[in-house]
């Protein structure tokens, strides 16, 4: 008999999700990223698209649908330390 079958499943409470409010997002962009335009662009993209970090790193210009309204990134790749860019 498999001893693992005798172990009950661990049930965890769902994590409390506390996203930034619009006033906090505005404060981040107006004060926190005021003098760093490159990071401001990255955080703007991350905030308003919901892309994961690995998807942001691998994003290329050709991955953006320039004809849609609003502009839409089409995720074709991700980047990991182990595998690099993966389709």
PDB file of N, CA and C in Angstrom:
ATOM      1  N   UNK A   1       0.837  -1.189   0.000  1.00  0.00           N
ATOM      2  CA  UNK A   1       0.000   0.000   0.000  1.00  0.00           C
ATOM      3  C   UNK A   1       0.881   1.251   0.000  1.00  0.00           C
ATOM      4  N   UNK A   2       0.454   2.247  -0.728  1.00  0.00           N
ATOM      5  CA  UNK A   2       1.189   3.512  -0.819  1.00  0.00           C
ATOM      6  C   UNK A   2       0.907   4.346   0.432  1.00  0.00           C
ATOM      7  N   UNK A   3       1.949   4.674   1.259  1.00  0.00           N
ATOM      8  CA  UNK A   3       1.718   5.432   2.494  1.00  0.00           C
ATOM      9  C   UNK A   3       1.226   6.855   2.245  1.00  0.00           C
ATOM     10  N   UNK A   4       1.463   7.393   1.082  1.00  0.00           N
ATOM     11  CA  UNK A   4       1.023   8.750   0.765  1.00  0.00           C
ATOM     12  C   UNK A   4      -0.500   8.848   0.758  1.00  0.00           C
ATOM     13  N   UNK A   5      -1.163   7.767   0.423  1.00  0.00           N
ATOM     14  CA  UNK A   5      -2.625   7.764   0.377  1.00  0.00           C
ATOM     15  C   UNK A   5      -3.252   7.983   1.750  1.00  0.00           C
ATOM     16  N   UNK A   6      -2.504   7.698   2.823  1.00  0.00           N
ATOM     17  CA  UNK A   6      -3.016   7.871   4.181  1.00  0.00           C
ATOM     18  C   UNK A   6      -2.870   9.307   4.689  1.00  0.00           C
ATOM     19  N   UNK A   7      -2.168  10.150   3.954  1.00  0.00           N
ATOM     20  CA  UNK A   7      -1.937  11.534   4.377  1.00  0.00           C
ATOM     21  C   UNK A   7      -3.055  12.408   3.820  1.00  0.00           C
ATOM     22  N   UNK A   8      -3.691  13.170   4.707  1.00  0.00           N
ATOM     23  CA  UNK A   8      -4.773  14.042   4.241  1.00  0.00           C
ATOM     24  C   UNK A   8      -4.183  15.257   3.518  1.00  0.00           C
ATOM     25  N   UNK A   9      -4.955  15.808   2.608  1.00  0.00           N
ATOM     26  CA  UNK A   9      -4.499  16.961   1.831  1.00  0.00           C
ATOM     27  C   UNK A   9      -4.482  18.203   2.697  1.00  0.00           C
ATOM     28  N   UNK A  10      -3.452  18.987   2.532  1.00  0.00           N
ATOM     29  CA  UNK A  10      -3.321  20.238   3.267  1.00  0.00           C
ATOM     30  C   UNK A  10      -4.226  21.285   2.630  1.00  0.00           C
ATOM     31  N   UNK A  11      -5.091  21.871   3.407  1.00  0.00           N
ATOM     32  CA  UNK A  11      -5.979  22.923   2.923  1.00  0.00           C
ATOM     33  C   UNK A  11      -5.495  24.254   3.457  1.00  0.00           C
ATOM     34  N   UNK A  12      -5.232  25.182   2.579  1.00  0.00           N
ATOM     35  CA  UNK A  12      -4.790  26.509   2.984  1.00  0.00           C
ATOM     36  C   UNK A  12      -5.873  27.521   2.658  1.00  0.00           C
ATOM     37  N   UNK A  13      -5.961  28.535   3.486  1.00  0.00           N
ATOM     38  CA  UNK A  13      -6.892  29.625   3.199  1.00  0.00           C
ATOM     39  C   UNK A  13      -6.381  30.414   2.005  1.00  0.00           C
ATOM     40  N   UNK A  14      -7.281  30.903   1.173  1.00  0.00           N
ATOM     41  CA  UNK A  14      -6.827  31.706   0.036  1.00  0.00           C
ATOM     42  C   UNK A  14      -6.104  32.963   0.512  1.00  0.00           C
ATOM     43  N   UNK A  15      -5.108  33.375  -0.249  1.00  0.00           N
ATOM     44  CA  UNK A  15      -4.325  34.559   0.107  1.00  0.00           C
ATOM     45  C   UNK A  15      -5.180  35.812  -0.023  1.00  0.00           C
ATOM     46  N   UNK A  16      -4.953  36.759   0.877  1.00  0.00           N
ATOM     47  CA  UNK A  16      -5.619  38.049   0.772  1.00  0.00           C
ATOM     48  C   UNK A  16      -4.909  38.874  -0.291  1.00  0.00           C
ATOM     49  N   UNK A  17      -5.626  39.275  -1.301  1.00  0.00           N
ATOM     50  CA  UNK A  17      -5.050  40.069  -2.383  1.00  0.00           C
ATOM     51  C   UNK A  17      -5.379  41.524  -2.119  1.00  0.00           C
ATOM     52  N   UNK A  18      -4.352  42.350  -2.104  1.00  0.00           N
ATOM     53  CA  UNK A  18      -4.527  43.766  -1.802  1.00  0.00           C
ATOM     54  C   UNK A  18      -3.833  44.597  -2.891  1.00  0.00           C
ATOM     55  N   UNK A  19      -4.480  44.740  -4.052  1.00  0.00           N
ATOM     56  CA  UNK A  19      -3.843  45.498  -5.135  1.00  0.00           C
ATOM     57  C   UNK A  19      -3.753  46.978  -4.797  1.00  0.00           C
ATOM     58  N   UNK A  20      -2.902  47.666  -5.523  1.00  0.00           N
ATOM     59  CA  UNK A  20      -2.771  49.112  -5.327  1.00  0.00           C
ATOM     60  C   UNK A  20      -4.063  49.812  -5.733  1.00  0.00           C
ATOM     61  N   UNK A  21      -4.410  50.848  -5.003  1.00  0.00           N
ATOM     62  CA  UNK A  21      -5.548  51.677  -5.393  1.00  0.00           C
ATOM     63  C   UNK A  21      -5.084  52.612  -6.507  1.00  0.00           C
ATOM     64  N   UNK A  22      -6.030  53.259  -7.176  1.00  0.00           N
ATOM     65  CA  UNK A  22      -5.646  54.193  -8.243  1.00  0.00           C
ATOM     66  C   UNK A  22      -4.818  55.348  -7.699  1.00  0.00           C
ATOM     67  N   UNK A  23      -5.130  55.806  -6.485  1.00  0.00           N
ATOM     68  CA  UNK A  23      -4.332  56.899  -5.904  1.00  0.00           C
ATOM     69  C   UNK A  23      -2.906  56.429  -5.606  1.00  0.00           C
ATOM     70  N   UNK A  24      -2.749  55.164  -5.191  1.00  0.00           N
ATOM     71  CA  UNK A  24      -1.400  54.627  -4.959  1.00  0.00           C
ATOM     72  C   UNK A  24      -0.641  54.456  -6.264  1.00  0.00           C
ATOM     73  N   UNK A  25      -1.332  54.015  -7.308  1.00  0.00           N
ATOM     74  CA  UNK A  25      -0.682  53.892  -8.623  1.00  0.00           C
ATOM     75  C   UNK A  25      -0.236  55.261  -9.111  1.00  0.00           C
ATOM     76  N   UNK A  26      -1.084  56.244  -8.985  1.00  0.00           N
ATOM     77  CA  UNK A  26      -0.735  57.601  -9.406  1.00  0.00           C
ATOM     78  C   UNK A  26       0.470  58.126  -8.622  1.00  0.00           C
ATOM     79  N   UNK A  27       0.475  57.886  -7.311  1.00  0.00           N
ATOM     80  CA  UNK A  27       1.592  58.325  -6.471  1.00  0.00           C
ATOM     81  C   UNK A  27       2.892  57.628  -6.883  1.00  0.00           C
ATOM     82  N   UNK A  28       2.810  56.343  -7.199  1.00  0.00           N
ATOM     83  CA  UNK A  28       3.984  55.598  -7.653  1.00  0.00           C
ATOM     84  C   UNK A  28       4.577  56.233  -8.908  1.00  0.00           C
ATOM     85  N   UNK A  29       3.716  56.560  -9.867  1.00  0.00           N
ATOM     86  CA  UNK A  29       4.203  57.133 -11.124  1.00  0.00           C
ATOM     87  C   UNK A  29       4.620  58.590 -10.982  1.00  0.00           C
ATOM     88  N   UNK A  30       3.880  59.358 -10.190  1.00  0.00           N
ATOM     89  CA  UNK A  30       4.180  60.785 -10.054  1.00  0.00           C
ATOM     90  C   UNK A  30       5.390  61.070  -9.176  1.00  0.00           C
ATOM     91  N   UNK A  31       5.605  60.259  -8.156  1.00  0.00           N
ATOM     92  CA  UNK A  31       6.698  60.538  -7.222  1.00  0.00           C
ATOM     93  C   UNK A  31       7.788  59.480  -7.259  1.00  0.00           C
ATOM     94  N   UNK A  32       7.403  58.216  -7.181  1.00  0.00           N
ATOM     95  CA  UNK A  32       8.388  57.145  -7.091  1.00  0.00           C
ATOM     96  C   UNK A  32       9.193  56.927  -8.351  1.00  0.00           C
ATOM     97  N   UNK A  33       8.567  57.102  -9.506  1.00  0.00           N
ATOM     98  CA  UNK A  33       9.250  56.836 -10.777  1.00  0.00           C
ATOM     99  C   UNK A  33       9.449  58.110 -11.592  1.00  0.00           C
ATOM    100  N   UNK A  34       9.376  59.236 -10.940  1.00  0.00           N
ATOM    101  CA  UNK A  34       9.444  60.533 -11.615  1.00  0.00           C
ATOM    102  C   UNK A  34      10.758  60.732 -12.381  1.00  0.00           C
ATOM    103  N   UNK A  35      11.872  60.294 -11.798  1.00  0.00           N
ATOM    104  CA  UNK A  35      13.184  60.556 -12.392  1.00  0.00           C
ATOM    105  C   UNK A  35      13.789  59.347 -13.087  1.00  0.00           C
ATOM    106  N   UNK A  36      13.007  58.319 -13.312  1.00  0.00           N
ATOM    107  CA  UNK A  36      13.522  57.117 -13.975  1.00  0.00           C
ATOM    108  C   UNK A  36      12.574  56.715 -15.097  1.00  0.00           C
ATOM    109  N   UNK A  37      12.719  57.328 -16.281  1.00  0.00           N
ATOM    110  CA  UNK A  37      11.754  57.079 -17.362  1.00  0.00           C
ATOM    111  C   UNK A  37      11.708  55.617 -17.830  1.00  0.00           C
ATOM    112  N   UNK A  38      12.828  54.925 -17.778  1.00  0.00           N
ATOM    113  CA  UNK A  38      12.828  53.531 -18.226  1.00  0.00           C
ATOM    114  C   UNK A  38      11.981  52.656 -17.294  1.00  0.00           C
ATOM    115  N   UNK A  39      12.178  52.800 -15.994  1.00  0.00           N
ATOM    116  CA  UNK A  39      11.382  52.025 -15.040  1.00  0.00           C
ATOM    117  C   UNK A  39       9.918  52.458 -15.077  1.00  0.00           C
ATOM    118  N   UNK A  40       9.683  53.731 -15.335  1.00  0.00           N
ATOM    119  CA  UNK A  40       8.305  54.224 -15.442  1.00  0.00           C
ATOM    120  C   UNK A  40       7.584  53.524 -16.591  1.00  0.00           C
ATOM    121  N   UNK A  41       8.267  53.342 -17.725  1.00  0.00           N
ATOM    122  CA  UNK A  41       7.661  52.646 -18.868  1.00  0.00           C
ATOM    123  C   UNK A  41       7.379  51.184 -18.535  1.00  0.00           C
ATOM    124  N   UNK A  42       8.326  50.525 -17.866  1.00  0.00           N
ATOM    125  CA  UNK A  42       8.142  49.112 -17.508  1.00  0.00           C
ATOM    126  C   UNK A  42       6.966  48.948 -16.553  1.00  0.00           C
ATOM    127  N   UNK A  43       6.914  49.789 -15.511  1.00  0.00           N
ATOM    128  CA  UNK A  43       5.820  49.683 -14.538  1.00  0.00           C
ATOM    129  C   UNK A  43       4.476  50.077 -15.145  1.00  0.00           C
ATOM    130  N   UNK A  44       4.469  51.015 -16.079  1.00  0.00           N
ATOM    131  CA  UNK A  44       3.225  51.366 -16.758  1.00  0.00           C
ATOM    132  C   UNK A  44       2.708  50.168 -17.532  1.00  0.00           C
ATOM    133  N   UNK A  45       3.575  49.535 -18.277  1.00  0.00           N
ATOM    134  CA  UNK A  45       3.195  48.359 -19.049  1.00  0.00           C
ATOM    135  C   UNK A  45       2.723  47.233 -18.128  1.00  0.00           C
ATOM    136  N   UNK A  46       3.457  46.986 -17.060  1.00  0.00           N
ATOM    137  CA  UNK A  46       3.082  45.916 -16.132  1.00  0.00           C
ATOM    138  C   UNK A  46       1.751  46.204 -15.446  1.00  0.00           C
ATOM    139  N   UNK A  47       1.552  47.446 -15.033  1.00  0.00           N
ATOM    140  CA  UNK A  47       0.336  47.815 -14.307  1.00  0.00           C
ATOM    141  C   UNK A  47      -0.910  47.701 -15.174  1.00  0.00           C
ATOM    142  N   UNK A  48      -0.826  48.153 -16.404  1.00  0.00           N
ATOM    143  CA  UNK A  48      -2.031  48.238 -17.222  1.00  0.00           C
ATOM    144  C   UNK A  48      -2.259  47.047 -18.149  1.00  0.00           C
ATOM    145  N   UNK A  49      -1.290  46.122 -18.225  1.00  0.00           N
ATOM    146  CA  UNK A  49      -1.513  44.923 -19.032  1.00  0.00           C
ATOM    147  C   UNK A  49      -1.644  43.664 -18.198  1.00  0.00           C
ATOM    148  N   UNK A  50      -1.066  43.668 -16.986  1.00  0.00           N
ATOM    149  CA  UNK A  50      -1.112  42.475 -16.152  1.00  0.00           C
ATOM    150  C   UNK A  50      -0.129  41.406 -16.574  1.00  0.00           C
ATOM    151  N   UNK A  51       0.847  41.757 -17.402  1.00  0.00           N
ATOM    152  CA  UNK A  51       1.828  40.775 -17.835  1.00  0.00           C
ATOM    153  C   UNK A  51       2.683  40.313 -16.666  1.00  0.00           C
ATOM    154  N   UNK A  52       3.083  39.067 -16.716  1.00  0.00           N
ATOM    155  CA  UNK A  52       4.004  38.536 -15.717  1.00  0.00           C
ATOM    156  C   UNK A  52       5.411  39.042 -16.024  1.00  0.00           C
ATOM    157  N   UNK A  53       6.289  38.985 -15.010  1.00  0.00           N
ATOM    158  CA  UNK A  53       7.656  39.475 -15.177  1.00  0.00           C
ATOM    159  C   UNK A  53       8.357  38.761 -16.329  1.00  0.00           C
ATOM    160  N   UNK A  54       8.218  37.449 -16.427  1.00  0.00           N
ATOM    161  CA  UNK A  54       8.883  36.696 -17.497  1.00  0.00           C
ATOM    162  C   UNK A  54       8.358  37.104 -18.871  1.00  0.00           C
ATOM    163  N   UNK A  55       7.081  37.478 -18.948  1.00  0.00           N
ATOM    164  CA  UNK A  55       6.498  37.918 -20.220  1.00  0.00           C
ATOM    165  C   UNK A  55       6.972  39.327 -20.573  1.00  0.00           C
ATOM    166  N   UNK A  56       7.109  40.195 -19.566  1.00  0.00           N
ATOM    167  CA  UNK A  56       7.620  41.548 -19.806  1.00  0.00           C
ATOM    168  C   UNK A  56       9.046  41.508 -20.334  1.00  0.00           C
ATOM    169  N   UNK A  57       9.874  40.658 -19.724  1.00  0.00           N
ATOM    170  CA  UNK A  57      11.280  40.570 -20.126  1.00  0.00           C
ATOM    171  C   UNK A  57      11.408  40.101 -21.571  1.00  0.00           C
ATOM    172  N   UNK A  58      10.569  39.168 -21.980  1.00  0.00           N
ATOM    173  CA  UNK A  58      10.663  38.595 -23.323  1.00  0.00           C
ATOM    174  C   UNK A  58       9.864  39.361 -24.374  1.00  0.00           C
ATOM    175  N   UNK A  59       9.112  40.387 -23.975  1.00  0.00           N
ATOM    176  CA  UNK A  59       8.261  41.120 -24.909  1.00  0.00           C
ATOM    177  C   UNK A  59       9.077  41.800 -25.997  1.00  0.00           C
ATOM    178  N   UNK A  60       8.616  41.679 -27.236  1.00  0.00           N
ATOM    179  CA  UNK A  60       9.273  42.314 -28.386  1.00  0.00           C
ATOM    180  C   UNK A  60       8.261  43.202 -29.098  1.00  0.00           C
ATOM    181  N   UNK A  61       8.752  44.148 -29.885  1.00  0.00           N
ATOM    182  CA  UNK A  61       7.861  45.067 -30.601  1.00  0.00           C
ATOM    183  C   UNK A  61       6.870  44.325 -31.477  1.00  0.00           C
ATOM    184  N   UNK A  62       7.308  43.221 -32.075  1.00  0.00           N
ATOM    185  CA  UNK A  62       6.414  42.471 -32.968  1.00  0.00           C
ATOM    186  C   UNK A  62       5.305  41.751 -32.212  1.00  0.00           C
ATOM    187  N   UNK A  63       5.428  41.674 -30.881  1.00  0.00           N
ATOM    188  CA  UNK A  63       4.409  41.009 -30.061  1.00  0.00           C
ATOM    189  C   UNK A  63       3.227  41.918 -29.737  1.00  0.00           C
ATOM    190  N   UNK A  64       3.247  43.149 -30.195  1.00  0.00           N
ATOM    191  CA  UNK A  64       2.166  44.092 -29.909  1.00  0.00           C
ATOM    192  C   UNK A  64       1.263  44.218 -31.118  1.00  0.00           C
ATOM    193  N   UNK A  65      -0.030  44.067 -30.899  1.00  0.00           N
ATOM    194  CA  UNK A  65      -1.013  44.229 -31.966  1.00  0.00           C
ATOM    195  C   UNK A  65      -1.312  45.725 -32.088  1.00  0.00           C
ATOM    196  N   UNK A  66      -0.674  46.366 -33.048  1.00  0.00           N
ATOM    197  CA  UNK A  66      -0.770  47.823 -33.210  1.00  0.00           C
ATOM    198  C   UNK A  66      -2.092  48.247 -33.845  1.00  0.00           C
ATOM    199  N   UNK A  67      -2.887  47.298 -34.321  1.00  0.00           N
ATOM    200  CA  UNK A  67      -4.154  47.643 -34.977  1.00  0.00           C
ATOM    201  C   UNK A  67      -5.340  47.577 -34.027  1.00  0.00           C
ATOM    202  N   UNK A  68      -5.159  46.983 -32.857  1.00  0.00           N
ATOM    203  CA  UNK A  68      -6.283  46.865 -31.923  1.00  0.00           C
ATOM    204  C   UNK A  68      -6.449  48.157 -31.125  1.00  0.00           C
ATOM    205  N   UNK A  69      -7.631  48.328 -30.572  1.00  0.00           N
ATOM    206  CA  UNK A  69      -7.916  49.505 -29.744  1.00  0.00           C
ATOM    207  C   UNK A  69      -8.501  49.021 -28.425  1.00  0.00           C
ATOM    208  N   UNK A  70      -7.822  49.101 -27.307  1.00  0.00           N
ATOM    209  CA  UNK A  70      -6.476  49.637 -27.128  1.00  0.00           C
ATOM    210  C   UNK A  70      -5.410  48.672 -27.646  1.00  0.00           C
ATOM    211  N   UNK A  71      -4.182  49.161 -27.762  1.00  0.00           N
ATOM    212  CA  UNK A  71      -3.078  48.300 -28.184  1.00  0.00           C
ATOM    213  C   UNK A  71      -3.012  47.085 -27.278  1.00  0.00           C
ATOM    214  N   UNK A  72      -2.750  45.935 -27.859  1.00  0.00           N
ATOM    215  CA  UNK A  72      -2.779  44.703 -27.090  1.00  0.00           C
ATOM    216  C   UNK A  72      -1.499  43.906 -27.297  1.00  0.00           C
ATOM    217  N   UNK A  73      -0.815  43.552 -26.200  1.00  0.00           N
ATOM    218  CA  UNK A  73       0.337  42.660 -26.368  1.00  0.00           C
ATOM    219  C   UNK A  73      -0.154  41.234 -26.583  1.00  0.00           C
ATOM    220  N   UNK A  74       0.455  40.533 -27.517  1.00  0.00           N
ATOM    221  CA  UNK A  74       0.140  39.145 -27.774  1.00  0.00           C
ATOM    222  C   UNK A  74       1.321  38.334 -27.253  1.00  0.00           C
ATOM    223  N   UNK A  75       1.103  37.579 -26.207  1.00  0.00           N
ATOM    224  CA  UNK A  75       2.195  36.883 -25.545  1.00  0.00           C
ATOM    225  C   UNK A  75       2.602  35.666 -26.370  1.00  0.00           C
ATOM    226  N   UNK A  76       3.827  35.711 -26.880  1.00  0.00           N
ATOM    227  CA  UNK A  76       4.360  34.615 -27.674  1.00  0.00           C
ATOM    228  C   UNK A  76       5.564  33.966 -27.015  1.00  0.00           C
ATOM    229  N   UNK A  77       6.165  34.663 -26.037  1.00  0.00           N
ATOM    230  CA  UNK A  77       7.390  34.190 -25.419  1.00  0.00           C
ATOM    231  C   UNK A  77       7.370  34.481 -23.923  1.00  0.00           C
ATOM    232  N   UNK A  78       8.213  33.790 -23.207  1.00  0.00           N
ATOM    233  CA  UNK A  78       8.503  34.132 -21.816  1.00  0.00           C
ATOM    234  C   UNK A  78       9.990  33.890 -21.602  1.00  0.00           C
ATOM    235  N   UNK A  79      10.537  34.427 -20.533  1.00  0.00           N
ATOM    236  CA  UNK A  79      11.961  34.297 -20.257  1.00  0.00           C
ATOM    237  C   UNK A  79      12.142  33.693 -18.879  1.00  0.00           C
ATOM    238  N   UNK A  80      12.959  32.638 -18.806  1.00  0.00           N
ATOM    239  CA  UNK A  80      13.286  32.047 -17.511  1.00  0.00           C
ATOM    240  C   UNK A  80      14.797  31.896 -17.403  1.00  0.00           C
ATOM    241  N   UNK A  81      15.304  31.906 -16.180  1.00  0.00           N
ATOM    242  CA  UNK A  81      16.748  31.731 -15.966  1.00  0.00           C
ATOM    243  C   UNK A  81      17.214  30.396 -16.527  1.00  0.00           C
ATOM    244  N   UNK A  82      16.407  29.399 -16.338  1.00  0.00           N
ATOM    245  CA  UNK A  82      16.814  28.053 -16.758  1.00  0.00           C
ATOM    246  C   UNK A  82      16.817  27.874 -18.271  1.00  0.00           C
ATOM    247  N   UNK A  83      15.760  28.354 -18.929  1.00  0.00           N
ATOM    248  CA  UNK A  83      15.591  28.071 -20.356  1.00  0.00           C
ATOM    249  C   UNK A  83      15.811  29.270 -21.267  1.00  0.00           C
ATOM    250  N   UNK A  84      15.976  30.483 -20.714  1.00  0.00           N
ATOM    251  CA  UNK A  84      16.085  31.663 -21.553  1.00  0.00           C
ATOM    252  C   UNK A  84      14.730  31.979 -22.163  1.00  0.00           C
ATOM    253  N   UNK A  85      14.718  32.501 -23.385  1.00  0.00           N
ATOM    254  CA  UNK A  85      13.445  32.822 -24.048  1.00  0.00           C
ATOM    255  C   UNK A  85      12.845  31.551 -24.629  1.00  0.00           C
ATOM    256  N   UNK A  86      11.572  31.323 -24.270  1.00  0.00           N
ATOM    257  CA  UNK A  86      10.864  30.150 -24.750  1.00  0.00           C
ATOM    258  C   UNK A  86       9.600  30.564 -25.493  1.00  0.00           C
ATOM    259  N   UNK A  87       9.299  29.909 -26.578  1.00  0.00           N
ATOM    260  CA  UNK A  87       8.035  30.202 -27.271  1.00  0.00           C
ATOM    261  C   UNK A  87       6.858  29.642 -26.505  1.00  0.00           C
TER     262      UNK A  87
END
